[in-house]
PDB file of N, CA and C in Angstrom:
ATOM      1  N   MET A   1      61.494 111.509 132.609  1.00  0.00           N
ATOM      2  CA  MET A   1      61.370 110.082 132.487  1.00  0.00           C
ATOM      3  C   MET A   1      60.952 109.760 131.051  1.00  0.00           C
ATOM      4  N   ARG A   2      61.607 108.788 130.443  1.00  0.00           N
ATOM      5  CA  ARG A   2      61.272 108.367 129.089  1.00  0.00           C
ATOM      6  C   ARG A   2      60.463 107.082 129.145  1.00  0.00           C
ATOM      7  N   ARG A   3      59.360 107.056 128.357  1.00  0.00           N
ATOM      8  CA  ARG A   3      58.499 105.875 128.308  1.00  0.00           C
ATOM      9  C   ARG A   3      58.025 105.649 126.881  1.00  0.00           C
ATOM     10  N   ILE A   4      57.759 104.397 126.576  1.00  0.00           N
ATOM     11  CA  ILE A   4      57.128 104.041 125.319  1.00  0.00           C
ATOM     12  C   ILE A   4      55.824 103.346 125.693  1.00  0.00           C
ATOM     13  N   ILE A   5      54.708 103.945 125.277  1.00  0.00           N
ATOM     14  CA  ILE A   5      53.391 103.398 125.584  1.00  0.00           C
ATOM     15  C   ILE A   5      52.823 102.800 124.305  1.00  0.00           C
ATOM     16  N   ILE A   6      52.433 101.528 124.366  1.00  0.00           N
ATOM     17  CA  ILE A   6      51.893 100.829 123.208  1.00  0.00           C
ATOM     18  C   ILE A   6      50.445 100.475 123.502  1.00  0.00           C
ATOM     19  N   GLU A   7      49.550 100.918 122.611  1.00  0.00           N
ATOM     20  CA  GLU A   7      48.123 100.665 122.765  1.00  0.00           C
ATOM     21  C   GLU A   7      47.633  99.900 121.534  1.00  0.00           C
ATOM     22  N   VAL A   8      46.946  98.783 121.762  1.00  0.00           N
ATOM     23  CA  VAL A   8      46.387  97.990 120.672  1.00  0.00           C
ATOM     24  C   VAL A   8      44.873  98.054 120.794  1.00  0.00           C
ATOM     25  N   ARG A   9      44.233  98.521 119.696  1.00  0.00           N
ATOM     26  CA  ARG A   9      42.778  98.654 119.714  1.00  0.00           C
ATOM     27  C   ARG A   9      42.242  98.474 118.297  1.00  0.00           C
ATOM     28  N   ASP A  10      41.252  97.616 118.145  1.00  0.00           N
ATOM     29  CA  ASP A  10      40.599  97.384 116.852  1.00  0.00           C
ATOM     30  C   ASP A  10      41.592  97.028 115.751  1.00  0.00           C
ATOM     31  N   GLY A  11      42.590  96.225 116.075  1.00  0.00           N
ATOM     32  CA  GLY A  11      43.559  95.784 115.083  1.00  0.00           C
ATOM     33  C   GLY A  11      44.605  96.807 114.711  1.00  0.00           C
ATOM     34  N   LYS A  12      44.601  97.958 115.380  1.00  0.00           N
ATOM     35  CA  LYS A  12      45.588  98.997 115.113  1.00  0.00           C
ATOM     36  C   LYS A  12      46.457  99.196 116.343  1.00  0.00           C
ATOM     37  N   VAL A  13      47.705  99.554 116.094  1.00  0.00           N
ATOM     38  CA  VAL A  13      48.660  99.761 117.174  1.00  0.00           C
ATOM     39  C   VAL A  13      49.071 101.219 117.198  1.00  0.00           C
ATOM     40  N   LYS A  14      48.994 101.820 118.369  1.00  0.00           N
ATOM     41  CA  LYS A  14      49.440 103.199 118.568  1.00  0.00           C
ATOM     42  C   LYS A  14      50.631 103.152 119.517  1.00  0.00           C
ATOM     43  N   VAL A  15      51.737 103.766 119.107  1.00  0.00           N
ATOM     44  CA  VAL A  15      52.943 103.795 119.927  1.00  0.00           C
ATOM     45  C   VAL A  15      53.249 105.253 120.250  1.00  0.00           C
ATOM     46  N   ASP A  16      53.361 105.559 121.519  1.00  0.00           N
ATOM     47  CA  ASP A  16      53.619 106.922 121.964  1.00  0.00           C
ATOM     48  C   ASP A  16      54.952 106.962 122.705  1.00  0.00           C
ATOM     49  N   PHE A  17      55.892 107.718 122.165  1.00  0.00           N
ATOM     50  CA  PHE A  17      57.205 107.885 122.783  1.00  0.00           C
ATOM     51  C   PHE A  17      57.151 109.157 123.631  1.00  0.00           C
ATOM     52  N   GLN A  18      57.232 109.005 124.932  1.00  0.00           N
ATOM     53  CA  GLN A  18      57.141 110.152 125.833  1.00  0.00           C
ATOM     54  C   GLN A  18      58.495 110.425 126.472  1.00  0.00           C
ATOM     55  N   GLY A  19      58.865 111.707 126.497  1.00  0.00           N
ATOM     56  CA  GLY A  19      60.093 112.112 127.158  1.00  0.00           C
ATOM     57  C   GLY A  19      61.341 112.069 126.292  1.00  0.00           C
ATOM     58  N   PHE A  20      61.195 111.750 125.026  1.00  0.00           N
ATOM     59  CA  PHE A  20      62.332 111.714 124.115  1.00  0.00           C
ATOM     60  C   PHE A  20      62.448 113.077 123.442  1.00  0.00           C
ATOM     61  N   ILE A  21      63.631 113.630 123.430  1.00  0.00           N
ATOM     62  CA  ILE A  21      63.857 114.959 122.885  1.00  0.00           C
ATOM     63  C   ILE A  21      64.608 114.869 121.558  1.00  0.00           C
ATOM     64  N   GLY A  22      64.126 115.641 120.574  1.00  0.00           N
ATOM     65  CA  GLY A  22      64.819 115.721 119.291  1.00  0.00           C
ATOM     66  C   GLY A  22      64.906 114.393 118.580  1.00  0.00           C
ATOM     67  N   ARG A  23      66.041 114.121 118.016  1.00  0.00           N
ATOM     68  CA  ARG A  23      66.276 112.942 117.173  1.00  0.00           C
ATOM     69  C   ARG A  23      66.143 111.619 117.933  1.00  0.00           C
ATOM     70  N   THR A  24      66.307 111.627 119.261  1.00  0.00           N
ATOM     71  CA  THR A  24      66.262 110.366 120.022  1.00  0.00           C
ATOM     72  C   THR A  24      64.935 109.638 119.861  1.00  0.00           C
ATOM     73  N   CYS A  25      63.844 110.360 119.681  1.00  0.00           N
ATOM     74  CA  CYS A  25      62.540 109.730 119.489  1.00  0.00           C
ATOM     75  C   CYS A  25      62.556 108.886 118.217  1.00  0.00           C
ATOM     76  N   PHE A  26      63.097 109.431 117.133  1.00  0.00           N
ATOM     77  CA  PHE A  26      63.134 108.720 115.860  1.00  0.00           C
ATOM     78  C   PHE A  26      64.102 107.542 115.926  1.00  0.00           C
ATOM     79  N   GLU A  27      65.185 107.693 116.667  1.00  0.00           N
ATOM     80  CA  GLU A  27      66.143 106.598 116.832  1.00  0.00           C
ATOM     81  C   GLU A  27      65.516 105.445 117.608  1.00  0.00           C
ATOM     82  N   GLU A  28      64.760 105.751 118.652  1.00  0.00           N
ATOM     83  CA  GLU A  28      64.095 104.707 119.443  1.00  0.00           C
ATOM     84  C   GLU A  28      62.998 104.031 118.627  1.00  0.00           C
ATOM     85  N   HIS A  29      62.296 104.800 117.815  1.00  0.00           N
ATOM     86  CA  HIS A  29      61.275 104.223 116.938  1.00  0.00           C
ATOM     87  C   HIS A  29      61.913 103.208 115.988  1.00  0.00           C
ATOM     88  N   ASP A  30      63.034 103.559 115.409  1.00  0.00           N
ATOM     89  CA  ASP A  30      63.725 102.655 114.489  1.00  0.00           C
ATOM     90  C   ASP A  30      64.222 101.410 115.216  1.00  0.00           C
ATOM     91  N   ARG A  31      64.714 101.590 116.418  1.00  0.00           N
ATOM     92  CA  ARG A  31      65.187 100.459 117.224  1.00  0.00           C
ATOM     93  C   ARG A  31      64.036  99.501 117.540  1.00  0.00           C
ATOM     94  N   LEU A  32      62.879 100.036 117.911  1.00  0.00           N
ATOM     95  CA  LEU A  32      61.700  99.222 118.198  1.00  0.00           C
ATOM     96  C   LEU A  32      61.253  98.467 116.945  1.00  0.00           C
ATOM     97  N   ARG A  33      61.258  99.147 115.798  1.00  0.00           N
ATOM     98  CA  ARG A  33      60.879  98.511 114.537  1.00  0.00           C
ATOM     99  C   ARG A  33      61.787  97.324 114.227  1.00  0.00           C
ATOM    100  N   ARG A  34      63.100  97.504 114.409  1.00  0.00           N
ATOM    101  CA  ARG A  34      64.045  96.408 114.145  1.00  0.00           C
ATOM    102  C   ARG A  34      63.816  95.230 115.095  1.00  0.00           C
ATOM    103  N   LEU A  35      63.540  95.511 116.362  1.00  0.00           N
ATOM    104  CA  LEU A  35      63.275  94.436 117.326  1.00  0.00           C
ATOM    105  C   LEU A  35      62.027  93.653 116.941  1.00  0.00           C
ATOM    106  N   LEU A  36      60.975  94.350 116.534  1.00  0.00           N
ATOM    107  CA  LEU A  36      59.750  93.669 116.123  1.00  0.00           C
ATOM    108  C   LEU A  36      59.990  92.813 114.881  1.00  0.00           C
ATOM    109  N   GLU A  37      60.767  93.324 113.937  1.00  0.00           N
ATOM    110  CA  GLU A  37      61.075  92.551 112.734  1.00  0.00           C
ATOM    111  C   GLU A  37      61.867  91.290 113.059  1.00  0.00           C
ATOM    112  N   GLN A  38      62.755  91.368 114.046  1.00  0.00           N
ATOM    113  CA  GLN A  38      63.511  90.183 114.464  1.00  0.00           C
ATOM    114  C   GLN A  38      62.589  89.116 115.042  1.00  0.00           C
ATOM    115  N   LEU A  39      61.464  89.547 115.607  1.00  0.00           N
ATOM    116  CA  LEU A  39      60.480  88.622 116.160  1.00  0.00           C
ATOM    117  C   LEU A  39      59.493  88.135 115.104  1.00  0.00           C
ATOM    118  N   GLY A  40      59.662  88.610 113.858  1.00  0.00           N
ATOM    119  CA  GLY A  40      58.795  88.185 112.772  1.00  0.00           C
ATOM    120  C   GLY A  40      57.532  89.020 112.635  1.00  0.00           C
ATOM    121  N   ILE A  41      57.496  90.168 113.278  1.00  0.00           N
ATOM    122  CA  ILE A  41      56.319  91.041 113.220  1.00  0.00           C
ATOM    123  C   ILE A  41      56.519  92.084 112.126  1.00  0.00           C
ATOM    124  N   LYS A  42      55.614  92.083 111.147  1.00  0.00           N
ATOM    125  CA  LYS A  42      55.676  93.056 110.053  1.00  0.00           C
ATOM    126  C   LYS A  42      55.250  94.426 110.571  1.00  0.00           C
ATOM    127  N   TYR A  43      55.949  95.420 110.127  1.00  0.00           N
ATOM    128  CA  TYR A  43      55.715  96.793 110.577  1.00  0.00           C
ATOM    129  C   TYR A  43      55.432  97.613 109.332  1.00  0.00           C
ATOM    130  N   GLU A  44      54.137  97.806 108.998  1.00  0.00           N
ATOM    131  CA  GLU A  44      53.751  98.441 107.744  1.00  0.00           C
ATOM    132  C   GLU A  44      52.774  99.588 107.983  1.00  0.00           C
ATOM    133  N   ASN A  45      52.618 100.423 106.948  1.00  0.00           N
ATOM    134  CA  ASN A  45      51.660 101.533 106.958  1.00  0.00           C
ATOM    135  C   ASN A  45      51.810 102.400 108.208  1.00  0.00           C
ATOM    136  N   VAL A  46      53.010 102.836 108.449  1.00  0.00           N
ATOM    137  CA  VAL A  46      53.330 103.617 109.638  1.00  0.00           C
ATOM    138  C   VAL A  46      53.126 105.093 109.355  1.00  0.00           C
ATOM    139  N   LYS A  47      52.416 105.745 110.239  1.00  0.00           N
ATOM    140  CA  LYS A  47      52.258 107.198 110.158  1.00  0.00           C
ATOM    141  C   LYS A  47      52.871 107.793 111.417  1.00  0.00           C
ATOM    142  N   ILE A  48      53.701 108.786 111.229  1.00  0.00           N
ATOM    143  CA  ILE A  48      54.383 109.410 112.356  1.00  0.00           C
ATOM    144  C   ILE A  48      53.879 110.830 112.517  1.00  0.00           C
ATOM    145  N   ARG A  49      53.520 111.172 113.739  1.00  0.00           N
ATOM    146  CA  ARG A  49      53.101 112.526 114.054  1.00  0.00           C
ATOM    147  C   ARG A  49      54.139 113.125 114.991  1.00  0.00           C
ATOM    148  N   GLU A  50      54.747 114.211 114.540  1.00  0.00           N
ATOM    149  CA  GLU A  50      55.757 114.855 115.380  1.00  0.00           C
ATOM    150  C   GLU A  50      55.095 115.615 116.520  1.00  0.00           C
ATOM    151  N   LYS A  51      55.707 115.513 117.678  1.00  0.00           N
ATOM    152  CA  LYS A  51      55.298 116.308 118.830  1.00  0.00           C
ATOM    153  C   LYS A  51      56.241 117.500 118.921  1.00  0.00           C
ATOM    154  N   PRO A  52      55.891 118.500 119.692  1.00  0.00           N
ATOM    155  CA  PRO A  52      56.785 119.660 119.830  1.00  0.00           C
ATOM    156  C   PRO A  52      58.198 119.287 120.286  1.00  0.00           C
ATOM    157  N   GLU A  53      58.331 118.238 121.096  1.00  0.00           N
ATOM    158  CA  GLU A  53      59.642 117.819 121.589  1.00  0.00           C
ATOM    159  C   GLU A  53      60.572 117.408 120.455  1.00  0.00           C
ATOM    160  N   ALA A  54      59.998 116.889 119.371  1.00  0.00           N
ATOM    161  CA  ALA A  54      60.804 116.436 118.236  1.00  0.00           C
ATOM    162  C   ALA A  54      61.463 117.609 117.526  1.00  0.00           C
ATOM    163  N   ARG A  55      60.909 118.781 117.677  1.00  0.00           N
ATOM    164  CA  ARG A  55      61.433 119.961 116.988  1.00  0.00           C
ATOM    165  C   ARG A  55      62.438 120.746 117.831  1.00  0.00           C
ATOM    166  N   LEU A  56      62.776 120.242 118.993  1.00  0.00           N
ATOM    167  CA  LEU A  56      63.686 120.975 119.867  1.00  0.00           C
ATOM    168  C   LEU A  56      65.121 120.989 119.366  1.00  0.00           C
ATOM    169  N   THR A  57      65.464 120.096 118.447  1.00  0.00           N
ATOM    170  CA  THR A  57      66.800 120.092 117.866  1.00  0.00           C
ATOM    171  C   THR A  57      66.801 121.065 116.701  1.00  0.00           C
ATOM    172  N   VAL A  58      67.550 122.129 116.794  1.00  0.00           N
ATOM    173  CA  VAL A  58      67.562 123.179 115.788  1.00  0.00           C
ATOM    174  C   VAL A  58      68.128 122.675 114.472  1.00  0.00           C
ATOM    175  N   GLY A  59      67.443 123.006 113.380  1.00  0.00           N
ATOM    176  CA  GLY A  59      67.967 122.704 112.063  1.00  0.00           C
ATOM    177  C   GLY A  59      67.621 121.333 111.514  1.00  0.00           C
ATOM    178  N   GLU A  60      67.008 120.459 112.280  1.00  0.00           N
ATOM    179  CA  GLU A  60      66.649 119.139 111.773  1.00  0.00           C
ATOM    180  C   GLU A  60      65.207 119.137 111.323  1.00  0.00           C
ATOM    181  N   LYS A  61      64.941 118.448 110.236  1.00  0.00           N
ATOM    182  CA  LYS A  61      63.590 118.301 109.725  1.00  0.00           C
ATOM    183  C   LYS A  61      63.337 116.820 109.503  1.00  0.00           C
ATOM    184  N   HIS A  62      62.163 116.351 109.853  1.00  0.00           N
ATOM    185  CA  HIS A  62      61.858 114.933 109.775  1.00  0.00           C
ATOM    186  C   HIS A  62      60.635 114.703 108.908  1.00  0.00           C
ATOM    187  N   GLU A  63      60.567 113.527 108.304  1.00  0.00           N
ATOM    188  CA  GLU A  63      59.396 113.126 107.542  1.00  0.00           C
ATOM    189  C   GLU A  63      58.216 112.974 108.486  1.00  0.00           C
ATOM    190  N   THR A  64      57.029 113.309 108.030  1.00  0.00           N
ATOM    191  CA  THR A  64      55.850 113.141 108.870  1.00  0.00           C
ATOM    192  C   THR A  64      55.157 111.810 108.632  1.00  0.00           C
ATOM    193  N   THR A  65      55.468 111.132 107.525  1.00  0.00           N
ATOM    194  CA  THR A  65      54.962 109.781 107.308  1.00  0.00           C
ATOM    195  C   THR A  65      56.102 108.895 106.816  1.00  0.00           C
ATOM    196  N   VAL A  66      56.068 107.658 107.248  1.00  0.00           N
ATOM    197  CA  VAL A  66      57.101 106.701 106.868  1.00  0.00           C
ATOM    198  C   VAL A  66      56.409 105.415 106.487  1.00  0.00           C
ATOM    199  N   ASN A  67      56.823 104.809 105.404  1.00  0.00           N
ATOM    200  CA  ASN A  67      56.303 103.506 105.008  1.00  0.00           C
ATOM    201  C   ASN A  67      57.460 102.527 104.968  1.00  0.00           C
ATOM    202  N   TYR A  68      57.328 101.442 105.729  1.00  0.00           N
ATOM    203  CA  TYR A  68      58.361 100.407 105.767  1.00  0.00           C
ATOM    204  C   TYR A  68      57.906  99.237 104.940  1.00  0.00           C
TER     205      TYR A  68
END
């Protein structure tokens, strides 16, 4: 089962993508970012932490931090 859990605490937002394998996690993150921007929500100072599931796609390497 794939889920996106969003937690807001002390002015910070934590987004946890569960059940996404390989590149799909990063694609869903980008899709969520675009949707928020369409609503006028700025998406800045983003730090991404890879989970083991993100590394299941052989040969792909991803940035560990992203700034939009």
